[in-house]
Structures are given as structure tokens and as C-alpha cells.
Amino acid sequence: MDIKIHIKSNATQIIAALACIQEKLDSIPEYDNLMIGFDMEWNVDLTPGQYRNEATAVVAIAFENHIFILQIASFTKLKKIPPALKNILVQPRIIKAG
């Protein structure tokens, strides 16, 4: 199998990248679920006495033969999440394994 890695960082790119997951979900029966691999990474401030996790910086989603690396730090700093990603996260028919 040929694995394709896609690195995306703006809303337009993220929408286009995640469209294949939504299209697949729309093409299967209502009672079926879809499974994706899911991981998140974030920056950590290691300054002595100031240790804290920063907002999520990267989301990785594996679907079929695609791996989507979504650089979302600019969104999460504003306490926003790209709507295409939010739709995937809140969709109960998409099982997230990570």
C-alpha cells in the first residue's frame, strides 16, 4: 500500500484534506461507523517554575492510505478550531483510535 502524507496548515487546506473522510462517511449506510487513527501533539513550556502545556499544535489523522498532519497552533492560540476538523471530532459515527 502506498501511504500518502499530507501536511496542512491553513483552513482551506484542512477542509480539502478532510473532505475525503466526510465523503466516505456519506457513502456508507447510516448505521455503519468509520474508524480513523487520531493523535495530538502540543508544545510544552519547560521554563523552570513555569511548566505548562500549551494549546494543541498538531493533529495527526490516519485514514485509509492517508496521513494528515494538521498544523493547528495558529487556530488554537485564538481558541478556535477549523470547522472541518471540529466536524470530524464531534461526529459520533467516526471512531477515533489513538
Protein backbone atom coordinates (compact mmCIF):
# COMPACT_ATOMS: atom_id res chain seq x y z
CA MET A 1 0.00 0.00 0.00
CA ASP A 2 1.28 3.45 -0.93
CA ILE A 3 0.97 5.74 2.12
CA LYS A 4 0.48 9.43 1.36
CA ILE A 5 1.46 12.06 3.94
CA HIS A 6 -0.26 15.44 3.73
CA ILE A 7 0.90 18.41 5.81
CA LYS A 8 -1.73 21.15 6.05
CA SER A 9 -1.72 24.41 7.97
CA ASN A 10 -4.49 26.72 6.80
CA ALA A 11 -8.27 26.38 6.89
CA THR A 12 -8.65 25.86 3.13
CA GLN A 13 -6.05 23.09 3.10
CA ILE A 14 -7.60 21.39 6.14
CA ILE A 15 -11.08 21.49 4.60
CA ALA A 16 -9.78 19.91 1.39
CA ALA A 17 -7.74 17.28 3.24
CA LEU A 18 -10.57 16.13 5.50
CA ALA A 19 -13.19 16.11 2.73
CA CYS A 20 -12.30 12.51 1.85
CA ILE A 21 -13.29 11.36 5.35
CA GLN A 22 -16.64 13.14 5.16
CA GLU A 23 -17.25 11.80 1.65
CA LYS A 24 -16.55 8.25 2.81
CA LEU A 25 -18.87 8.71 5.79
CA ASP A 26 -21.62 9.99 3.50
CA SER A 27 -21.21 6.96 1.22
CA ILE A 28 -21.71 4.27 3.86
CA PRO A 29 -25.01 3.21 5.47
CA GLU A 30 -26.25 5.36 8.37
CA TYR A 31 -25.80 2.53 10.86
CA ASP A 32 -22.12 1.94 9.95
CA ASN A 33 -19.18 3.63 11.60
CA LEU A 34 -15.89 4.79 10.17
CA MET A 35 -12.59 4.43 12.02
CA ILE A 36 -9.65 6.84 11.89
CA GLY A 37 -6.32 6.94 13.67
CA PHE A 38 -6.02 10.07 15.79
CA ASP A 39 -3.19 11.75 17.69
CA MET A 40 -2.49 15.22 19.08
CA GLU A 41 0.76 16.96 19.94
CA TRP A 42 1.36 20.22 21.74
CA ASN A 43 4.21 22.44 22.76
CA VAL A 44 5.33 22.36 26.38
CA ASP A 45 6.88 25.31 28.21
CA LEU A 46 9.77 23.80 30.19
CA THR A 47 10.87 27.03 31.86
CA PRO A 48 11.71 26.19 35.50
CA GLY A 49 8.73 27.01 37.69
CA GLN A 50 6.59 27.74 34.63
CA TYR A 51 5.91 24.22 33.33
CA ARG A 52 2.65 24.14 31.40
CA ASN A 53 1.16 22.58 28.32
CA GLU A 54 0.41 24.95 25.51
CA ALA A 55 -2.62 24.60 23.23
CA THR A 56 -2.72 21.71 20.78
CA ALA A 57 -0.26 22.41 17.98
CA VAL A 58 -0.61 19.40 15.68
CA VAL A 59 -3.34 16.86 14.99
CA ALA A 60 -2.50 13.71 13.05
CA ILE A 61 -5.27 11.71 11.40
CA ALA A 62 -4.72 8.40 9.64
CA PHE A 63 -7.42 7.34 7.20
CA GLU A 64 -7.15 4.59 4.60
CA ASN A 65 -3.75 5.22 2.94
CA HIS A 66 -3.53 8.87 4.01
CA ILE A 67 -1.88 10.50 6.98
CA PHE A 68 -2.94 14.09 7.56
CA ILE A 69 -0.64 16.25 9.65
CA LEU A 70 -2.71 19.30 10.56
CA GLN A 71 -0.73 22.20 11.99
CA ILE A 72 -3.39 23.96 14.05
CA ALA A 73 -1.37 26.01 16.57
CA SER A 74 -2.43 29.28 14.96
CA PHE A 75 -6.08 28.29 15.41
CA THR A 76 -5.85 27.01 18.98
CA LYS A 77 -3.97 30.11 20.16
CA LEU A 78 -7.12 32.00 19.17
CA LYS A 79 -9.21 29.31 20.90
CA LYS A 80 -10.70 28.28 17.58
CA ILE A 81 -10.63 25.05 15.68
CA PRO A 82 -11.08 24.68 11.93
CA PRO A 83 -14.76 23.74 11.32
CA ALA A 84 -13.79 20.77 9.10
CA LEU A 85 -11.74 19.31 11.96
CA LYS A 86 -14.45 20.06 14.51
CA ASN A 87 -17.00 18.22 12.35
CA ILE A 88 -14.79 15.13 12.31
CA LEU A 89 -14.22 15.30 16.08
CA VAL A 90 -17.89 15.65 17.05
CA GLN A 91 -19.22 13.09 14.56
CA PRO A 92 -20.24 10.06 16.67
CA ARG A 93 -20.09 7.72 13.65
CA ILE A 94 -16.37 8.39 13.29
CA ILE A 95 -14.49 6.23 15.78
CA LYS A 96 -11.20 7.82 16.80
CA ALA A 97 -8.45 5.37 17.75
CA GLY A 98 -5.25 6.77 19.17
